[in-house]
């Protein structure tokens, strides 16, 4: 009888461990830079890893585009493009990432993510907007346009920041805007009175969150900014939906 009890306990432990592994959340932080390298990247990675420890998700990091393949991407609930610049993925890798999003994956873009892969129309649509230029970093005000979202809770209605204020080639549409720039409070804004800086949307079967903020390293020790990042990451992670490659319309690369 004792042997049977031990065996049942072992089986129960295996089942619990398997369920925990099945429910684990893992994100991939991709920070490849082919042009400008943001010195804030190490601080940003450390901050995301700290969020992982606090909120119980795993964090992998890479600059290697070869990680963008069907087998590897299936491990992740979200892929974070962290201040990526230049052309970061080749054609085969781009196809794999598109398939991942179409299968229901999550994307999060931080700061310079809107500047990378500018020749890739699909990626620009996933982000929601494409970077045009920016003035010299300076103080200005962010306007919170949705105070009830996890990515904006706790933020002041007018949030004073020192940052690099991105202008975009085209104002994003079909997205839920969370933050806008008040161009009257700094020099060099070109998008006008409605200048989105952070937003989220469903795209091509997946989820996308983007924030243009986060140029300086001290952002990643700012509780307000970290709360903004964590709220956006929760959206990108989703609610436990499993990837479904059976619904993916894009064929794998040959």
Protein backbone atom coordinates (compact mmCIF):
# COMPACT_ATOMS: atom_id res chain seq x y z
CA UNK A 1 0.00 0.00 0.00
CA UNK A 2 2.86 2.36 0.86
CA UNK A 3 4.45 1.69 -2.55
CA UNK A 4 1.16 2.50 -4.28
CA UNK A 5 0.88 5.80 -2.36
CA UNK A 6 4.40 6.77 -3.36
CA UNK A 7 3.70 5.92 -6.99
CA UNK A 8 0.51 8.00 -6.98
CA UNK A 9 2.38 10.91 -5.42
CA UNK A 10 5.04 10.73 -8.13
CA UNK A 11 2.39 10.64 -10.85
CA UNK A 12 0.62 13.61 -9.29
CA UNK A 13 3.89 15.54 -9.18
CA UNK A 14 4.56 14.77 -12.85
CA UNK A 15 1.08 15.95 -13.83
CA UNK A 16 1.48 19.19 -11.85
CA UNK A 17 4.88 19.86 -13.41
CA UNK A 18 3.60 19.16 -16.92
CA UNK A 19 0.64 21.49 -16.41
CA UNK A 20 2.93 24.20 -15.09
CA UNK A 21 5.23 23.83 -18.08
CA UNK A 22 2.25 23.92 -20.47
CA UNK A 23 1.07 27.17 -18.86
CA UNK A 24 4.48 28.87 -18.64
CA UNK A 25 4.90 32.17 -20.42
CA UNK A 26 8.12 32.95 -22.25
CA UNK A 27 9.10 36.05 -24.21
CA UNK A 28 11.92 36.60 -26.69
CA UNK A 29 13.70 39.96 -26.55
CA UNK A 30 15.21 40.70 -29.96
CA UNK A 31 17.66 43.62 -29.96
CA UNK A 32 19.60 43.38 -33.22
CA UNK A 33 20.94 46.75 -34.38
CA UNK A 34 22.32 47.27 -37.88
CA UNK A 35 22.39 51.06 -37.59
CA UNK A 36 22.17 53.16 -34.42
CA UNK A 37 22.72 51.28 -31.16
CA UNK A 38 20.79 52.62 -28.17
CA UNK A 39 22.91 52.62 -25.03
CA UNK A 40 19.71 52.02 -23.05
CA UNK A 41 19.39 48.45 -24.38
CA UNK A 42 21.24 46.71 -21.50
CA UNK A 43 19.14 48.58 -18.93
CA UNK A 44 15.98 47.69 -20.86
CA UNK A 45 16.89 43.99 -20.94
CA UNK A 46 17.61 44.01 -17.21
CA UNK A 47 14.25 45.69 -16.57
CA UNK A 48 12.34 43.14 -18.65
CA UNK A 49 14.14 40.29 -16.90
CA UNK A 50 13.17 41.83 -13.56
CA UNK A 51 9.55 42.02 -14.71
CA UNK A 52 9.83 38.36 -15.63
CA UNK A 53 10.98 37.48 -12.12
CA UNK A 54 8.23 39.57 -10.52
CA UNK A 55 5.42 38.33 -12.76
CA UNK A 56 6.60 34.78 -13.41
CA UNK A 57 7.47 34.64 -17.06
CA UNK A 58 10.69 33.57 -18.72
CA UNK A 59 12.87 35.90 -20.78
CA UNK A 60 15.23 34.88 -23.57
CA UNK A 61 17.36 37.44 -25.42
CA UNK A 62 19.01 37.40 -28.84
CA UNK A 63 20.45 39.43 -31.69
CA UNK A 64 20.44 36.36 -33.94
CA UNK A 65 17.86 36.47 -36.74
CA UNK A 66 18.24 32.71 -37.17
CA UNK A 67 16.11 32.31 -34.05
CA UNK A 68 13.18 33.35 -36.25
CA UNK A 69 12.01 29.96 -37.42
CA UNK A 70 8.77 28.07 -36.86
CA UNK A 71 10.18 25.63 -34.32
CA UNK A 72 11.83 28.22 -32.10
CA UNK A 73 9.14 30.91 -32.24
CA UNK A 74 6.50 28.45 -31.04
CA UNK A 75 8.11 28.64 -27.59
CA UNK A 76 7.09 32.27 -27.10
CA UNK A 77 3.90 34.07 -26.16
CA UNK A 78 5.48 37.36 -27.28
CA UNK A 79 8.44 38.61 -29.29
CA UNK A 80 9.76 42.00 -28.17
CA UNK A 81 11.63 44.12 -30.70
CA UNK A 82 13.76 46.24 -28.39
CA UNK A 83 15.13 49.35 -30.14
CA UNK A 84 16.01 47.33 -33.22
CA UNK A 85 17.48 49.32 -36.12
CA UNK A 86 18.23 48.69 -39.78
CA UNK A 87 17.35 45.49 -41.62
CA UNK A 88 17.20 42.84 -38.93
CA UNK A 89 15.65 39.81 -40.66
CA UNK A 90 16.20 38.16 -44.04
CA UNK A 91 13.38 36.89 -46.25
CA UNK A 92 13.17 33.42 -44.68
CA UNK A 93 13.19 34.86 -41.17
CA UNK A 94 10.53 37.40 -42.08
CA UNK A 95 8.26 34.64 -43.35
CA UNK A 96 8.69 32.70 -40.10
CA UNK A 97 7.84 35.77 -38.01
CA UNK A 98 4.80 36.55 -40.12
CA UNK A 99 3.60 32.96 -39.70
CA UNK A 100 4.09 33.27 -35.95
CA UNK A 101 1.85 36.36 -35.80
CA UNK A 102 -0.74 34.73 -38.07
CA UNK A 103 -0.78 31.76 -35.70
CA UNK A 104 -1.81 34.09 -32.88
CA UNK A 105 1.53 35.27 -31.52
CA UNK A 106 2.22 38.53 -29.73
CA UNK A 107 4.49 41.42 -30.71
CA UNK A 108 5.77 44.29 -28.61
CA UNK A 109 7.82 47.12 -30.08
CA UNK A 110 9.85 49.42 -27.86
CA UNK A 111 11.18 52.80 -29.03
CA UNK A 112 13.37 52.29 -32.14
CA UNK A 113 11.44 49.17 -33.18
CA UNK A 114 9.49 51.45 -35.54
CA UNK A 115 12.74 52.44 -37.28
CA UNK A 116 13.85 48.95 -38.28
CA UNK A 117 13.00 46.99 -41.43
CA UNK A 118 11.45 50.05 -43.05
CA UNK A 119 11.34 48.30 -46.44
CA UNK A 120 9.00 45.64 -45.02
CA UNK A 121 5.42 46.90 -45.42
CA UNK A 122 3.90 44.06 -43.40
CA UNK A 123 6.11 44.84 -40.42
CA UNK A 124 5.26 48.55 -40.56
CA UNK A 125 1.59 47.62 -40.48
CA UNK A 126 2.21 45.28 -37.54
CA UNK A 127 3.91 48.06 -35.59
CA UNK A 128 1.19 50.51 -36.62
CA UNK A 129 3.45 53.30 -37.90
CA UNK A 130 6.87 53.85 -39.45
CA UNK A 131 9.47 56.20 -37.98
CA UNK A 132 10.29 59.34 -39.96
CA UNK A 133 12.69 61.41 -37.80
CA UNK A 134 13.10 63.02 -34.39
CA UNK A 135 14.31 66.30 -32.95
CA UNK A 136 17.06 66.58 -30.35
CA UNK A 137 16.01 64.78 -27.13
CA UNK A 138 14.33 67.22 -24.77
CA UNK A 139 11.67 67.57 -22.13
CA UNK A 140 8.04 67.54 -23.19
CA UNK A 141 4.64 66.33 -22.14
CA UNK A 142 2.79 63.12 -22.93
CA UNK A 143 -1.01 63.19 -22.89
CA UNK A 144 -2.77 60.06 -21.62
CA UNK A 145 -5.73 59.40 -23.95
CA UNK A 146 -6.99 56.24 -22.22
CA UNK A 147 -6.61 56.25 -18.44
CA UNK A 148 -8.21 52.84 -17.89
CA UNK A 149 -5.72 50.63 -19.71
CA UNK A 150 -3.14 48.56 -17.79
CA UNK A 151 -0.41 50.36 -19.76
CA UNK A 152 -1.55 53.78 -18.52
CA UNK A 153 -2.86 53.13 -15.01
CA UNK A 154 -0.98 55.25 -12.52
CA UNK A 155 0.25 57.70 -15.13
CA UNK A 156 -0.54 61.40 -14.67
CA UNK A 157 -2.93 62.87 -17.23
CA UNK A 158 -0.02 65.00 -18.45
CA UNK A 159 3.24 63.13 -18.07
CA UNK A 160 6.43 65.20 -18.20
CA UNK A 161 9.31 63.28 -19.76
CA UNK A 162 12.81 63.67 -21.12
CA UNK A 163 12.82 61.54 -24.24
CA UNK A 164 13.44 61.28 -27.96
CA UNK A 165 10.19 62.40 -29.59
CA UNK A 166 9.50 60.34 -32.70
CA UNK A 167 7.71 61.72 -35.74
CA UNK A 168 6.04 59.15 -37.98
CA UNK A 169 5.65 58.96 -41.75
CA UNK A 170 1.92 58.44 -41.33
CA UNK A 171 -0.31 58.72 -38.28
CA UNK A 172 -1.35 55.20 -37.21
CA UNK A 173 -4.93 54.19 -37.96
CA UNK A 174 -7.04 51.22 -36.85
CA UNK A 175 -5.20 51.13 -33.53
CA UNK A 176 -6.25 51.94 -29.97
CA UNK A 177 -4.15 54.95 -28.98
CA UNK A 178 -3.04 55.24 -25.34
CA UNK A 179 -0.55 58.12 -25.34
CA UNK A 180 -0.04 61.21 -27.49
CA UNK A 181 2.69 63.83 -27.63
CA UNK A 182 1.83 67.44 -26.85
CA UNK A 183 3.88 69.10 -29.58
CA UNK A 184 3.32 72.53 -28.03
CA UNK A 185 5.64 71.54 -25.15
CA UNK A 186 8.76 70.74 -27.17
CA UNK A 187 10.45 71.71 -30.43
CA UNK A 188 10.49 69.60 -33.59
CA UNK A 189 7.16 67.78 -33.63
CA UNK A 190 5.71 67.36 -37.14
CA UNK A 191 2.63 65.15 -36.71
CA UNK A 192 0.42 67.93 -35.41
CA UNK A 193 -2.21 68.17 -32.71
CA UNK A 194 -2.88 64.43 -32.85
CA UNK A 195 0.47 62.71 -32.40
CA UNK A 196 0.15 59.12 -31.08
CA UNK A 197 3.11 57.67 -29.16
CA UNK A 198 1.77 54.37 -27.79
CA UNK A 199 -1.01 52.09 -28.97
CA UNK A 200 -2.16 48.50 -29.42
CA UNK A 201 -4.15 46.57 -31.99
CA UNK A 202 -4.95 43.12 -33.31
CA UNK A 203 -3.18 42.46 -36.57
CA UNK A 204 -3.14 39.51 -38.98
CA UNK A 205 -4.25 37.04 -36.31
CA UNK A 206 -1.93 38.27 -33.57
CA UNK A 207 -1.56 41.07 -31.03
CA UNK A 208 0.67 44.15 -31.29
CA UNK A 209 1.66 46.78 -28.74
CA UNK A 210 4.06 49.64 -29.48
CA UNK A 211 5.49 52.50 -27.47
CA UNK A 212 7.79 55.15 -28.91
CA UNK A 213 9.06 56.10 -25.45
CA UNK A 214 12.20 54.70 -23.85
CA UNK A 215 15.26 56.33 -25.39
CA UNK A 216 17.24 56.86 -22.19
CA UNK A 217 18.52 54.19 -19.80
CA UNK A 218 16.95 55.86 -16.77
CA UNK A 219 13.50 55.15 -18.23
CA UNK A 220 14.03 51.52 -17.27
CA UNK A 221 14.32 52.35 -13.58
CA UNK A 222 11.32 54.70 -13.64
CA UNK A 223 8.31 53.02 -11.98
CA UNK A 224 5.87 54.92 -14.20
CA UNK A 225 7.58 53.82 -17.40
CA UNK A 226 8.01 50.24 -16.16
CA UNK A 227 4.30 50.12 -15.36
CA UNK A 228 3.61 51.30 -18.91
CA UNK A 229 5.84 48.56 -20.33
CA UNK A 230 4.34 45.84 -18.14
CA UNK A 231 0.80 46.85 -19.09
CA UNK A 232 1.66 46.68 -22.78
CA UNK A 233 3.40 43.35 -22.37
CA UNK A 234 0.32 41.88 -20.72
CA UNK A 235 -1.69 42.74 -23.82
CA UNK A 236 0.94 41.30 -26.15
CA UNK A 237 1.12 38.08 -24.13
CA UNK A 238 -2.60 37.56 -24.40
CA UNK A 239 -4.75 35.40 -22.15
CA UNK A 240 -3.11 32.06 -22.64
CA UNK A 241 -4.21 31.48 -26.22
CA UNK A 242 -2.22 28.71 -27.89
CA UNK A 243 -0.57 29.27 -31.25
CA UNK A 244 -2.53 27.66 -34.06
CA UNK A 245 -0.46 27.13 -37.19
CA UNK A 246 -3.34 25.30 -38.88
CA UNK A 247 -4.96 28.69 -39.62
CA UNK A 248 -1.82 30.33 -41.01
CA UNK A 249 -2.28 31.46 -44.66
CA UNK A 250 1.39 32.20 -45.34
CA UNK A 251 3.25 29.05 -46.48
CA UNK A 252 6.61 28.29 -44.89
CA UNK A 253 9.76 29.35 -46.66
CA UNK A 254 11.15 26.78 -49.07
